[in-house]
Amino acid sequence: MAKKIIKRKKIKIFSLLLLLLIVGTTSFLVYSYIKSDIKNIIIKGNTYLNDEEVLRLAGLTDYPSFILLRPRKTAQKIEKNKYIKSAKVKRKLFHTVEISIKEHDILFQKTNNKYVLENGKEIFSNKNIRVPKLNNYTPDDQYKKIIENMKEVDKSILGKISEISYDPNDYDKDRFLLYMDDGNSVFLTLTKFEMINYYNEVLSQLEGRKGILYLDSGNHFKIME
């Protein structure tokens, strides 16, 4: 009976060591990449919130792992803040994270010191935000309309309005009086509220005189004595 010969395979030690080295190096590089932190964070679009506040909202104050960052979830954290309309978070080259946010415009401040946003929500804030102050009670219907109208006011003009008063008369229940920083006053009705955007053009024709500009009925200027 013939004997069956079994050949023993020789283990190539060098090849095994090389394989282990490659696997170990690859694992180390992958681990190092996963654990490597964010190196730089760019924040765009914030006005009312400073960079530090945005970082706290995003949970990125300690610059965590770059690869483990979840952009959409991070953006959702930021969007929970009432100031924020929308947020986008992106990974960029060289372990950089870019945060782009859009804030709700703040239209005016009420007598209770709450700020009114463009979406109608009200917030308390200890920030010194330069917006007009609505200084008296305004009925619900006119209040809703003034918010819609204020959204259309150019920001360069909005910054020149110091106070707003609801000031109806026997002919117009939608009339408002705007007190300007330069000492002038402007009467407006809600149906013609967009006329305030032409204030700078009108101002250039006043030749430095101060008074009351009536844009609620006709367009005329009454010089203050």
N, C-alpha and C. Protein backbone atom coordinates (compact mmCIF):
# COMPACT_ATOMS: atom_id res chain seq x y z
N MET A 1 0.87 -1.19 0.00
CA MET A 1 0.00 0.00 0.00
C MET A 1 0.89 1.23 0.00
N ALA A 2 0.62 2.13 -0.95
CA ALA A 2 1.46 3.33 -1.09
C ALA A 2 1.20 4.29 0.05
N LYS A 3 2.27 4.93 0.52
CA LYS A 3 2.14 5.91 1.60
C LYS A 3 1.76 7.28 1.02
N LYS A 4 0.84 7.96 1.73
CA LYS A 4 0.42 9.32 1.33
C LYS A 4 1.38 10.31 1.96
N ILE A 5 1.98 11.11 1.10
CA ILE A 5 2.95 12.08 1.60
C ILE A 5 2.26 13.44 1.76
N ILE A 6 2.31 14.02 2.93
CA ILE A 6 1.72 15.34 3.23
C ILE A 6 2.84 16.36 3.29
N LYS A 7 2.71 17.37 2.43
CA LYS A 7 3.73 18.42 2.41
C LYS A 7 3.37 19.51 3.41
N ARG A 8 4.28 19.86 4.19
CA ARG A 8 4.08 20.95 5.16
C ARG A 8 4.39 22.30 4.51
N LYS A 9 3.43 23.24 4.68
CA LYS A 9 3.65 24.57 4.14
C LYS A 9 4.54 25.37 5.07
N LYS A 10 5.52 25.95 4.47
CA LYS A 10 6.42 26.77 5.27
C LYS A 10 5.83 28.17 5.46
N ILE A 11 5.78 28.57 6.64
CA ILE A 11 5.28 29.91 6.96
C ILE A 11 6.36 30.92 6.65
N LYS A 12 6.02 31.84 5.83
CA LYS A 12 6.97 32.88 5.49
C LYS A 12 6.89 33.99 6.53
N ILE A 13 7.81 33.98 7.45
CA ILE A 13 7.80 34.94 8.56
C ILE A 13 7.85 36.37 8.08
N PHE A 14 8.66 36.65 7.08
CA PHE A 14 8.82 38.02 6.60
C PHE A 14 7.51 38.56 6.03
N SER A 15 6.83 37.70 5.24
CA SER A 15 5.56 38.13 4.64
C SER A 15 4.50 38.41 5.71
N LEU A 16 4.48 37.57 6.75
CA LEU A 16 3.53 37.76 7.84
C LEU A 16 3.79 39.06 8.59
N LEU A 17 5.06 39.29 8.86
CA LEU A 17 5.43 40.54 9.57
C LEU A 17 5.08 41.77 8.74
N LEU A 18 5.31 41.66 7.44
CA LEU A 18 4.99 42.78 6.55
C LEU A 18 3.49 43.06 6.53
N LEU A 19 2.70 41.95 6.50
CA LEU A 19 1.25 42.10 6.51
C LEU A 19 0.78 42.75 7.80
N LEU A 20 1.34 42.27 8.92
CA LEU A 20 0.96 42.85 10.21
C LEU A 20 1.34 44.32 10.29
N LEU A 21 2.47 44.66 9.71
CA LEU A 21 2.93 46.04 9.71
C LEU A 21 1.98 46.92 8.90
N ILE A 22 1.58 46.41 7.73
CA ILE A 22 0.66 47.18 6.88
C ILE A 22 -0.69 47.38 7.56
N VAL A 23 -1.21 46.28 8.14
CA VAL A 23 -2.50 46.37 8.83
C VAL A 23 -2.42 47.32 10.01
N GLY A 24 -1.33 47.20 10.79
CA GLY A 24 -1.16 48.06 11.95
C GLY A 24 -1.04 49.53 11.57
N THR A 25 -0.25 49.80 10.54
CA THR A 25 -0.07 51.19 10.09
C THR A 25 -1.37 51.78 9.57
N THR A 26 -2.09 50.97 8.77
CA THR A 26 -3.37 51.43 8.23
C THR A 26 -4.37 51.72 9.34
N SER A 27 -4.44 50.81 10.31
CA SER A 27 -5.35 50.99 11.44
C SER A 27 -5.00 52.24 12.23
N PHE A 28 -3.71 52.47 12.42
CA PHE A 28 -3.27 53.65 13.17
C PHE A 28 -3.63 54.94 12.43
N LEU A 29 -3.43 54.92 11.11
CA LEU A 29 -3.74 56.12 10.31
C LEU A 29 -5.24 56.39 10.31
N VAL A 30 -6.03 55.33 10.17
CA VAL A 30 -7.49 55.49 10.20
C VAL A 30 -7.94 56.01 11.55
N TYR A 31 -7.40 55.43 12.62
CA TYR A 31 -7.76 55.86 13.97
C TYR A 31 -7.35 57.32 14.19
N SER A 32 -6.16 57.66 13.75
CA SER A 32 -5.66 59.03 13.92
C SER A 32 -6.53 60.02 13.16
N TYR A 33 -6.97 59.62 11.96
CA TYR A 33 -7.81 60.51 11.15
C TYR A 33 -9.17 60.71 11.82
N ILE A 34 -9.74 59.60 12.33
CA ILE A 34 -11.04 59.70 12.99
C ILE A 34 -10.96 60.57 14.24
N LYS A 35 -9.88 60.44 14.95
CA LYS A 35 -9.73 61.17 16.21
C LYS A 35 -9.20 62.59 16.02
N SER A 36 -8.74 62.91 14.82
CA SER A 36 -8.17 64.24 14.60
C SER A 36 -9.26 65.30 14.74
N ASP A 37 -8.93 66.37 15.40
CA ASP A 37 -9.91 67.40 15.73
C ASP A 37 -10.08 68.43 14.62
N ILE A 38 -11.16 69.18 14.72
CA ILE A 38 -11.38 70.33 13.84
C ILE A 38 -10.28 71.36 14.11
N LYS A 39 -9.70 71.89 13.05
CA LYS A 39 -8.61 72.85 13.21
C LYS A 39 -9.08 74.29 13.11
N ASN A 40 -10.11 74.51 12.32
CA ASN A 40 -10.56 75.88 12.09
C ASN A 40 -12.06 75.90 11.84
N ILE A 41 -12.76 76.91 12.38
CA ILE A 41 -14.19 77.05 12.19
C ILE A 41 -14.47 78.46 11.65
N ILE A 42 -15.14 78.51 10.51
CA ILE A 42 -15.51 79.79 9.89
C ILE A 42 -17.01 79.99 10.07
N ILE A 43 -17.40 81.15 10.60
CA ILE A 43 -18.81 81.44 10.84
C ILE A 43 -19.21 82.65 10.00
N LYS A 44 -20.27 82.50 9.23
CA LYS A 44 -20.74 83.57 8.35
C LYS A 44 -22.20 83.90 8.63
N GLY A 45 -22.55 85.16 8.45
CA GLY A 45 -23.95 85.57 8.47
C GLY A 45 -24.50 85.97 9.82
N ASN A 46 -23.71 85.90 10.87
CA ASN A 46 -24.23 86.25 12.20
C ASN A 46 -24.06 87.73 12.48
N THR A 47 -25.12 88.33 13.00
CA THR A 47 -25.11 89.74 13.40
C THR A 47 -25.48 89.88 14.87
N TYR A 48 -26.62 89.30 15.23
CA TYR A 48 -27.09 89.42 16.61
C TYR A 48 -26.37 88.45 17.54
N LEU A 49 -26.01 87.28 17.05
CA LEU A 49 -25.26 86.30 17.84
C LEU A 49 -23.79 86.41 17.49
N ASN A 50 -22.93 86.42 18.52
CA ASN A 50 -21.50 86.45 18.24
C ASN A 50 -20.98 85.04 17.97
N ASP A 51 -19.72 84.95 17.56
CA ASP A 51 -19.15 83.64 17.17
C ASP A 51 -19.18 82.65 18.33
N GLU A 52 -18.89 83.12 19.52
CA GLU A 52 -18.87 82.21 20.67
C GLU A 52 -20.25 81.62 20.94
N GLU A 53 -21.29 82.42 20.79
CA GLU A 53 -22.65 81.92 21.00
C GLU A 53 -23.02 80.88 19.94
N VAL A 54 -22.60 81.12 18.71
CA VAL A 54 -22.88 80.15 17.64
C VAL A 54 -22.17 78.83 17.91
N LEU A 55 -20.92 78.91 18.37
CA LEU A 55 -20.16 77.69 18.69
C LEU A 55 -20.82 76.90 19.81
N ARG A 56 -21.35 77.61 20.81
CA ARG A 56 -22.03 76.92 21.91
C ARG A 56 -23.28 76.23 21.41
N LEU A 57 -24.04 76.90 20.58
CA LEU A 57 -25.25 76.30 20.03
C LEU A 57 -24.92 75.05 19.22
N ALA A 58 -23.82 75.12 18.46
CA ALA A 58 -23.43 74.00 17.61
C ALA A 58 -22.76 72.87 18.39
N GLY A 59 -22.35 73.14 19.63
CA GLY A 59 -21.63 72.12 20.40
C GLY A 59 -20.21 71.93 19.93
N LEU A 60 -19.58 73.00 19.44
CA LEU A 60 -18.23 72.89 18.86
C LEU A 60 -17.21 73.73 19.62
N THR A 61 -17.50 74.10 20.84
CA THR A 61 -16.58 74.96 21.59
C THR A 61 -15.24 74.28 21.88
N ASP A 62 -15.25 72.93 21.97
CA ASP A 62 -14.00 72.21 22.26
C ASP A 62 -13.37 71.63 20.99
N TYR A 63 -13.84 72.06 19.82
CA TYR A 63 -13.28 71.62 18.54
C TYR A 63 -13.14 70.08 18.50
N PRO A 64 -14.26 69.37 18.44
CA PRO A 64 -14.24 67.89 18.49
C PRO A 64 -13.73 67.26 17.19
N SER A 65 -13.92 65.96 17.07
CA SER A 65 -13.46 65.20 15.90
C SER A 65 -14.05 65.75 14.61
N PHE A 66 -13.20 65.92 13.63
CA PHE A 66 -13.63 66.44 12.33
C PHE A 66 -14.49 65.42 11.59
N ILE A 67 -14.03 64.16 11.53
CA ILE A 67 -14.72 63.14 10.74
C ILE A 67 -16.04 62.72 11.38
N LEU A 68 -16.13 62.81 12.70
CA LEU A 68 -17.36 62.40 13.39
C LEU A 68 -18.42 63.51 13.41
N LEU A 69 -18.06 64.68 12.90
CA LEU A 69 -19.03 65.78 12.84
C LEU A 69 -20.21 65.41 11.96
N ARG A 70 -21.41 65.67 12.43
CA ARG A 70 -22.63 65.42 11.66
C ARG A 70 -23.21 66.78 11.27
N PRO A 71 -22.93 67.22 10.05
CA PRO A 71 -23.30 68.59 9.64
C PRO A 71 -24.77 68.93 9.82
N ARG A 72 -25.67 68.07 9.38
CA ARG A 72 -27.10 68.39 9.46
C ARG A 72 -27.57 68.46 10.91
N LYS A 73 -27.12 67.53 11.72
CA LYS A 73 -27.51 67.54 13.13
C LYS A 73 -26.97 68.78 13.83
N THR A 74 -25.75 69.17 13.48
CA THR A 74 -25.16 70.37 14.06
C THR A 74 -25.96 71.60 13.65
N ALA A 75 -26.37 71.66 12.38
CA ALA A 75 -27.17 72.79 11.89
C ALA A 75 -28.51 72.86 12.63
N GLN A 76 -29.10 71.71 12.90
CA GLN A 76 -30.39 71.68 13.60
C GLN A 76 -30.26 72.20 15.02
N LYS A 77 -29.13 71.96 15.64
CA LYS A 77 -28.89 72.50 16.98
C LYS A 77 -28.90 74.03 16.94
N ILE A 78 -28.25 74.57 15.93
CA ILE A 78 -28.17 76.02 15.79
C ILE A 78 -29.55 76.62 15.52
N GLU A 79 -30.33 75.93 14.72
CA GLU A 79 -31.64 76.44 14.31
C GLU A 79 -32.66 76.45 15.44
N LYS A 80 -32.35 75.84 16.55
CA LYS A 80 -33.25 75.87 17.70
C LYS A 80 -33.30 77.25 18.35
N ASN A 81 -32.29 78.07 18.08
CA ASN A 81 -32.26 79.42 18.64
C ASN A 81 -33.25 80.33 17.90
N LYS A 82 -33.97 81.17 18.62
CA LYS A 82 -35.02 81.99 18.03
C LYS A 82 -34.49 83.04 17.05
N TYR A 83 -33.25 83.42 17.22
CA TYR A 83 -32.67 84.39 16.29
C TYR A 83 -32.44 83.78 14.90
N ILE A 84 -32.30 82.47 14.84
CA ILE A 84 -31.83 81.81 13.63
C ILE A 84 -32.98 81.39 12.72
N LYS A 85 -32.89 81.81 11.46
CA LYS A 85 -33.86 81.40 10.45
C LYS A 85 -33.44 80.07 9.83
N SER A 86 -32.17 79.95 9.50
CA SER A 86 -31.65 78.71 8.92
C SER A 86 -30.15 78.64 9.14
N ALA A 87 -29.61 77.42 9.06
CA ALA A 87 -28.17 77.22 9.24
C ALA A 87 -27.69 76.09 8.35
N LYS A 88 -26.45 76.22 7.85
CA LYS A 88 -25.81 75.17 7.06
C LYS A 88 -24.40 74.96 7.61
N VAL A 89 -24.04 73.69 7.74
CA VAL A 89 -22.71 73.33 8.24
C VAL A 89 -22.03 72.44 7.21
N LYS A 90 -20.81 72.79 6.83
CA LYS A 90 -20.07 72.02 5.82
C LYS A 90 -18.66 71.72 6.29
N ARG A 91 -18.18 70.54 5.91
CA ARG A 91 -16.76 70.22 6.09
C ARG A 91 -15.97 70.80 4.92
N LYS A 92 -14.84 71.38 5.19
CA LYS A 92 -13.98 71.92 4.14
C LYS A 92 -12.60 71.27 4.25
N LEU A 93 -11.72 71.62 3.35
CA LEU A 93 -10.36 71.07 3.36
C LEU A 93 -9.60 71.51 4.61
N PHE A 94 -8.59 70.72 4.93
CA PHE A 94 -7.68 71.02 6.04
C PHE A 94 -8.41 71.10 7.39
N HIS A 95 -9.37 70.18 7.57
CA HIS A 95 -10.10 70.07 8.84
C HIS A 95 -10.77 71.39 9.25
N THR A 96 -11.32 72.05 8.25
CA THR A 96 -12.04 73.30 8.49
C THR A 96 -13.54 73.06 8.40
N VAL A 97 -14.28 73.68 9.29
CA VAL A 97 -15.75 73.61 9.28
C VAL A 97 -16.30 75.00 9.00
N GLU A 98 -17.24 75.09 8.07
CA GLU A 98 -17.85 76.37 7.72
C GLU A 98 -19.31 76.37 8.16
N ILE A 99 -19.69 77.37 8.93
CA ILE A 99 -21.07 77.53 9.40
C ILE A 99 -21.65 78.78 8.77
N SER A 100 -22.71 78.61 7.98
CA SER A 100 -23.39 79.75 7.36
C SER A 100 -24.79 79.84 7.95
N ILE A 101 -25.11 81.00 8.52
CA ILE A 101 -26.42 81.15 9.15
C ILE A 101 -27.17 82.36 8.60
N LYS A 102 -28.48 82.27 8.68
CA LYS A 102 -29.35 83.41 8.37
C LYS A 102 -30.16 83.72 9.62
N GLU A 103 -30.13 84.94 10.04
CA GLU A 103 -30.86 85.35 11.24
C GLU A 103 -32.18 86.01 10.84
N HIS A 104 -33.16 85.90 11.72
CA HIS A 104 -34.40 86.65 11.53
C HIS A 104 -34.10 88.13 11.77
N ASP A 105 -34.65 88.99 10.92
CA ASP A 105 -34.51 90.42 11.16
C ASP A 105 -35.30 90.82 12.40
N ILE A 106 -34.72 91.71 13.20
CA ILE A 106 -35.44 92.28 14.34
C ILE A 106 -36.04 93.60 13.87
N LEU A 107 -37.35 93.75 13.99
CA LEU A 107 -38.05 94.90 13.42
C LEU A 107 -38.17 96.07 14.38
N PHE A 108 -38.56 95.78 15.62
CA PHE A 108 -38.71 96.85 16.61
C PHE A 108 -38.76 96.26 18.00
N GLN A 109 -38.74 97.15 18.98
CA GLN A 109 -38.81 96.74 20.38
C GLN A 109 -40.10 97.28 20.98
N LYS A 110 -40.74 96.49 21.81
CA LYS A 110 -41.99 96.91 22.45
C LYS A 110 -41.70 97.55 23.80
N THR A 111 -42.72 98.12 24.41
CA THR A 111 -42.55 98.78 25.70
C THR A 111 -42.22 97.80 26.81
N ASN A 112 -42.51 96.52 26.62
CA ASN A 112 -42.15 95.50 27.61
C ASN A 112 -40.72 95.00 27.41
N ASN A 113 -39.98 95.71 26.54
CA ASN A 113 -38.56 95.43 26.25
C ASN A 113 -38.35 94.15 25.43
N LYS A 114 -39.42 93.57 24.94
CA LYS A 114 -39.26 92.43 24.05
C LYS A 114 -38.97 92.92 22.63
N TYR A 115 -38.10 92.17 21.95
CA TYR A 115 -37.82 92.47 20.56
C TYR A 115 -38.74 91.63 19.67
N VAL A 116 -39.25 92.24 18.60
CA VAL A 116 -40.16 91.56 17.69
C VAL A 116 -39.41 91.18 16.42
N LEU A 117 -39.43 89.88 16.11
CA LEU A 117 -38.76 89.38 14.92
C LEU A 117 -39.68 89.45 13.71
N GLU A 118 -39.11 89.26 12.53
CA GLU A 118 -39.88 89.33 11.29
C GLU A 118 -40.96 88.27 11.21
N ASN A 119 -40.80 87.16 11.94
CA ASN A 119 -41.81 86.11 11.94
C ASN A 119 -42.89 86.34 13.00
N GLY A 120 -42.81 87.48 13.67
CA GLY A 120 -43.82 87.84 14.67
C GLY A 120 -43.50 87.37 16.07
N LYS A 121 -42.49 86.53 16.24
CA LYS A 121 -42.13 86.06 17.57
C LYS A 121 -41.44 87.16 18.36
N GLU A 122 -41.58 87.08 19.67
CA GLU A 122 -40.99 88.08 20.56
C GLU A 122 -39.96 87.41 21.47
N ILE A 123 -38.87 88.11 21.71
CA ILE A 123 -37.82 87.56 22.56
C ILE A 123 -37.29 88.63 23.49
N PHE A 124 -36.89 88.19 24.69
CA PHE A 124 -36.15 89.05 25.60
C PHE A 124 -34.67 88.96 25.23
N SER A 125 -33.96 90.04 25.37
CA SER A 125 -32.53 90.01 25.09
C SER A 125 -31.84 91.11 25.89
N ASN A 126 -30.65 90.78 26.39
CA ASN A 126 -29.85 91.79 27.07
C ASN A 126 -28.87 92.46 26.11
N LYS A 127 -29.02 92.16 24.82
CA LYS A 127 -28.16 92.77 23.82
C LYS A 127 -28.65 94.19 23.53
N ASN A 128 -27.74 95.05 23.19
CA ASN A 128 -28.09 96.42 22.82
C ASN A 128 -28.30 96.47 21.32
N ILE A 129 -29.52 96.20 20.88
CA ILE A 129 -29.83 96.10 19.47
C ILE A 129 -30.51 97.39 19.02
N ARG A 130 -29.95 97.99 18.00
CA ARG A 130 -30.45 99.29 17.52
C ARG A 130 -31.63 99.09 16.57
N VAL A 131 -32.85 99.19 17.10
CA VAL A 131 -34.07 99.12 16.30
C VAL A 131 -35.07 100.13 16.87
N PRO A 132 -36.09 100.51 16.08
CA PRO A 132 -37.10 101.45 16.60
C PRO A 132 -37.87 100.85 17.78
N LYS A 133 -38.47 101.72 18.57
CA LYS A 133 -39.28 101.26 19.70
C LYS A 133 -40.74 101.63 19.45
N LEU A 134 -41.61 100.64 19.49
CA LEU A 134 -43.05 100.87 19.40
C LEU A 134 -43.51 101.26 20.80
N ASN A 135 -43.84 102.54 20.99
CA ASN A 135 -43.98 103.05 22.35
C ASN A 135 -45.41 103.16 22.88
N ASN A 136 -46.39 102.55 22.21
CA ASN A 136 -47.74 102.57 22.78
C ASN A 136 -48.53 101.35 22.30
N TYR A 137 -49.70 101.18 22.88
CA TYR A 137 -50.55 100.04 22.53
C TYR A 137 -51.01 100.15 21.08
N THR A 138 -51.01 99.02 20.40
CA THR A 138 -51.47 98.95 19.01
C THR A 138 -52.46 97.79 18.89
N PRO A 139 -53.66 98.06 18.39
CA PRO A 139 -54.66 96.98 18.24
C PRO A 139 -54.11 95.82 17.41
N ASP A 140 -54.64 94.63 17.65
CA ASP A 140 -54.12 93.42 17.02
C ASP A 140 -54.04 93.52 15.51
N ASP A 141 -55.10 94.03 14.88
CA ASP A 141 -55.12 94.09 13.42
C ASP A 141 -54.00 94.98 12.89
N GLN A 142 -53.87 96.17 13.48
CA GLN A 142 -52.81 97.09 13.05
C GLN A 142 -51.43 96.58 13.45
N TYR A 143 -51.36 95.87 14.55
CA TYR A 143 -50.08 95.32 15.01
C TYR A 143 -49.55 94.29 14.00
N LYS A 144 -50.42 93.41 13.53
CA LYS A 144 -50.00 92.42 12.55
C LYS A 144 -49.56 93.08 11.24
N LYS A 145 -50.28 94.14 10.88
CA LYS A 145 -49.95 94.83 9.63
C LYS A 145 -48.65 95.62 9.73
N ILE A 146 -48.39 96.20 10.89
CA ILE A 146 -47.15 96.97 11.04
C ILE A 146 -45.94 96.04 10.94
N ILE A 147 -46.09 94.81 11.43
CA ILE A 147 -44.99 93.83 11.30
C ILE A 147 -44.72 93.54 9.83
N GLU A 148 -45.78 93.29 9.07
CA GLU A 148 -45.62 93.01 7.64
C GLU A 148 -45.01 94.20 6.90
N ASN A 149 -45.41 95.40 7.26
CA ASN A 149 -44.87 96.59 6.61
C ASN A 149 -43.43 96.87 7.00
N MET A 150 -43.10 96.64 8.26
CA MET A 150 -41.74 96.89 8.72
C MET A 150 -40.74 95.96 8.06
N LYS A 151 -41.19 94.79 7.65
CA LYS A 151 -40.31 93.84 6.96
C LYS A 151 -39.83 94.39 5.62
N GLU A 152 -40.59 95.33 5.06
CA GLU A 152 -40.25 95.89 3.75
C GLU A 152 -39.45 97.18 3.85
N VAL A 153 -39.18 97.65 5.05
CA VAL A 153 -38.42 98.89 5.22
C VAL A 153 -36.94 98.61 5.01
N ASP A 154 -36.31 99.41 4.18
CA ASP A 154 -34.87 99.26 3.93
C ASP A 154 -34.10 99.41 5.24
N LYS A 155 -33.10 98.58 5.43
CA LYS A 155 -32.36 98.59 6.70
C LYS A 155 -31.66 99.92 6.96
N SER A 156 -31.24 100.60 5.90
CA SER A 156 -30.60 101.89 6.08
C SER A 156 -31.58 102.93 6.62
N ILE A 157 -32.85 102.77 6.27
CA ILE A 157 -33.90 103.67 6.79
C ILE A 157 -34.34 103.22 8.17
N LEU A 158 -34.44 101.92 8.37
CA LEU A 158 -34.84 101.39 9.67
C LEU A 158 -33.93 101.90 10.77
N GLY A 159 -32.65 102.01 10.46
CA GLY A 159 -31.69 102.48 11.45
C GLY A 159 -31.83 103.94 11.81
N LYS A 160 -32.64 104.69 11.04
CA LYS A 160 -32.84 106.12 11.31
C LYS A 160 -34.13 106.40 12.09
N ILE A 161 -34.92 105.34 12.31
CA ILE A 161 -36.18 105.50 13.06
C ILE A 161 -35.91 105.21 14.53
N SER A 162 -36.23 106.16 15.40
CA SER A 162 -35.99 105.95 16.82
C SER A 162 -37.23 105.41 17.54
N GLU A 163 -38.40 105.94 17.20
CA GLU A 163 -39.64 105.52 17.86
C GLU A 163 -40.78 105.45 16.86
N ILE A 164 -41.76 104.61 17.18
CA ILE A 164 -42.97 104.48 16.38
C ILE A 164 -44.17 104.57 17.32
N SER A 165 -45.14 105.39 16.96
CA SER A 165 -46.37 105.49 17.76
C SER A 165 -47.58 105.19 16.89
N TYR A 166 -48.49 104.41 17.42
CA TYR A 166 -49.77 104.24 16.76
C TYR A 166 -50.58 105.50 17.02
N ASP A 167 -50.96 106.22 15.96
CA ASP A 167 -51.56 107.55 16.12
C ASP A 167 -52.75 107.74 15.18
N PRO A 168 -53.84 107.00 15.41
CA PRO A 168 -55.01 107.09 14.53
C PRO A 168 -55.73 108.43 14.70
N ASN A 169 -56.47 108.83 13.69
CA ASN A 169 -57.35 109.99 13.81
C ASN A 169 -58.75 109.61 13.33
N ASP A 170 -59.61 110.58 13.19
CA ASP A 170 -60.99 110.29 12.81
C ASP A 170 -61.11 109.76 11.40
N TYR A 171 -60.09 109.98 10.57
CA TYR A 171 -60.16 109.60 9.17
C TYR A 171 -59.38 108.32 8.85
N ASP A 172 -58.41 108.00 9.69
CA ASP A 172 -57.53 106.87 9.37
C ASP A 172 -57.16 106.11 10.65
N LYS A 173 -57.67 104.89 10.76
CA LYS A 173 -57.36 104.06 11.92
C LYS A 173 -56.04 103.31 11.77
N ASP A 174 -55.41 103.49 10.62
CA ASP A 174 -54.15 102.79 10.36
C ASP A 174 -52.95 103.75 10.34
N ARG A 175 -53.09 104.90 10.97
CA ARG A 175 -52.03 105.90 10.90
C ARG A 175 -51.00 105.70 12.01
N PHE A 176 -49.73 105.89 11.64
CA PHE A 176 -48.61 105.80 12.58
C PHE A 176 -47.74 107.06 12.46
N LEU A 177 -47.08 107.37 13.57
CA LEU A 177 -46.14 108.49 13.60
C LEU A 177 -44.75 107.95 13.88
N LEU A 178 -43.82 108.27 13.01
CA LEU A 178 -42.43 107.82 13.14
C LEU A 178 -41.55 108.99 13.57
N TYR A 179 -40.81 108.80 14.63
CA TYR A 179 -39.85 109.80 15.09
C TYR A 179 -38.46 109.39 14.58
N MET A 180 -37.84 110.29 13.82
CA MET A 180 -36.56 110.00 13.21
C MET A 180 -35.40 110.52 14.08
N ASP A 181 -34.24 109.90 13.93
CA ASP A 181 -33.07 110.29 14.71
C ASP A 181 -32.62 111.72 14.43
N ASP A 182 -32.92 112.23 13.24
CA ASP A 182 -32.46 113.57 12.87
C ASP A 182 -33.36 114.68 13.37
N GLY A 183 -34.42 114.32 14.10
CA GLY A 183 -35.31 115.33 14.66
C GLY A 183 -36.60 115.53 13.88
N ASN A 184 -36.71 114.93 12.71
CA ASN A 184 -37.95 115.02 11.94
C ASN A 184 -38.95 113.96 12.40
N SER A 185 -40.21 114.19 12.04
CA SER A 185 -41.27 113.22 12.30
C SER A 185 -41.98 112.92 10.99
N VAL A 186 -42.51 111.70 10.88
CA VAL A 186 -43.17 111.30 9.65
C VAL A 186 -44.49 110.61 9.98
N PHE A 187 -45.59 111.14 9.41
CA PHE A 187 -46.88 110.46 9.52
C PHE A 187 -47.04 109.51 8.33
N LEU A 188 -47.43 108.27 8.64
CA LEU A 188 -47.62 107.26 7.61
C LEU A 188 -48.88 106.47 7.90
N THR A 189 -49.52 106.02 6.85
CA THR A 189 -50.61 105.07 7.00
C THR A 189 -50.15 103.72 6.48
N LEU A 190 -50.74 102.66 6.94
CA LEU A 190 -50.28 101.32 6.60
C LEU A 190 -50.33 101.05 5.10
N THR A 191 -51.27 101.66 4.39
CA THR A 191 -51.38 101.44 2.95
C THR A 191 -50.29 102.15 2.16
N LYS A 192 -49.61 103.10 2.81
CA LYS A 192 -48.54 103.85 2.12
C LYS A 192 -47.23 103.75 2.89
N PHE A 193 -47.09 102.70 3.69
CA PHE A 193 -45.94 102.61 4.58
C PHE A 193 -44.63 102.49 3.81
N GLU A 194 -44.67 101.93 2.60
CA GLU A 194 -43.44 101.76 1.83
C GLU A 194 -42.82 103.10 1.43
N MET A 195 -43.58 104.19 1.56
CA MET A 195 -43.07 105.51 1.21
C MET A 195 -41.88 105.92 2.08
N ILE A 196 -41.76 105.33 3.26
CA ILE A 196 -40.65 105.68 4.15
C ILE A 196 -39.31 105.32 3.52
N ASN A 197 -39.31 104.40 2.57
CA ASN A 197 -38.07 104.03 1.91
C ASN A 197 -37.51 105.14 1.03
N TYR A 198 -38.32 106.17 0.77
CA TYR A 198 -37.87 107.33 -0.01
C TYR A 198 -37.46 108.49 0.90
N TYR A 199 -37.32 108.19 2.17
CA TYR A 199 -37.05 109.27 3.13
C TYR A 199 -35.76 110.03 2.80
N ASN A 200 -34.72 109.34 2.43
CA ASN A 200 -33.45 110.01 2.13
C ASN A 200 -33.58 110.97 0.94
N GLU A 201 -34.38 110.57 -0.03
CA GLU A 201 -34.59 111.44 -1.19
C GLU A 201 -35.36 112.70 -0.79
N VAL A 202 -36.37 112.52 0.05
CA VAL A 202 -37.14 113.67 0.53
C VAL A 202 -36.27 114.56 1.39
N LEU A 203 -35.45 113.94 2.22
CA LEU A 203 -34.59 114.69 3.14
C LEU A 203 -33.65 115.63 2.38
N SER A 204 -33.16 115.19 1.25
CA SER A 204 -32.24 116.01 0.47
C SER A 204 -32.90 117.27 -0.07
N GLN A 205 -34.24 117.30 -0.11
CA GLN A 205 -34.97 118.46 -0.62
C GLN A 205 -35.37 119.43 0.49
N LEU A 206 -35.14 119.05 1.73
CA LEU A 206 -35.57 119.88 2.86
C LEU A 206 -34.55 120.95 3.23
N GLU A 207 -33.36 120.85 2.66
CA GLU A 207 -32.32 121.86 2.86
C GLU A 207 -32.01 122.09 4.34
N GLY A 208 -31.97 120.99 5.08
CA GLY A 208 -31.58 121.06 6.48
C GLY A 208 -32.66 121.50 7.44
N ARG A 209 -33.84 121.76 6.95
CA ARG A 209 -34.95 122.19 7.82
C ARG A 209 -35.54 120.99 8.57
N LYS A 210 -36.08 121.27 9.73
CA LYS A 210 -36.69 120.23 10.56
C LYS A 210 -38.19 120.45 10.64
N GLY A 211 -38.92 119.32 10.68
CA GLY A 211 -40.36 119.46 10.77
C GLY A 211 -41.07 118.13 10.71
N ILE A 212 -42.32 118.18 10.22
CA ILE A 212 -43.16 116.98 10.15
C ILE A 212 -43.48 116.70 8.69
N LEU A 213 -43.21 115.48 8.29
CA LEU A 213 -43.47 115.05 6.92
C LEU A 213 -44.76 114.23 6.92
N TYR A 214 -45.74 114.70 6.16
CA TYR A 214 -47.03 114.01 6.11
C TYR A 214 -47.08 113.15 4.84
N LEU A 215 -46.98 111.85 5.04
CA LEU A 215 -47.08 110.90 3.93
C LEU A 215 -48.35 110.06 4.05
N ASP A 216 -49.19 110.39 5.02
CA ASP A 216 -50.43 109.63 5.21
C ASP A 216 -51.52 110.13 4.27
N SER A 217 -51.58 111.44 4.03
CA SER A 217 -52.56 112.01 3.10
C SER A 217 -51.86 113.12 2.34
N GLY A 218 -51.49 112.81 1.12
CA GLY A 218 -50.71 113.78 0.36
C GLY A 218 -49.25 113.69 0.79
N ASN A 219 -48.43 114.51 0.18
CA ASN A 219 -47.01 114.55 0.51
C ASN A 219 -46.61 116.01 0.75
N HIS A 220 -46.63 116.39 2.00
CA HIS A 220 -46.22 117.76 2.31
C HIS A 220 -45.43 117.79 3.60
N PHE A 221 -44.70 118.87 3.78
CA PHE A 221 -43.78 119.01 4.91
C PHE A 221 -44.12 120.28 5.68
N LYS A 222 -44.28 120.13 6.98
CA LYS A 222 -44.58 121.27 7.84
C LYS A 222 -43.33 121.60 8.65
N ILE A 223 -42.81 122.79 8.43
CA ILE A 223 -41.60 123.22 9.11
C ILE A 223 -41.90 123.54 10.58
N MET A 224 -41.05 123.07 11.46
CA MET A 224 -41.21 123.37 12.88
C MET A 224 -40.79 124.81 13.13
N GLU A 225 -41.57 125.50 13.95
CA GLU A 225 -41.22 126.89 14.31
C GLU A 225 -40.04 126.93 15.24
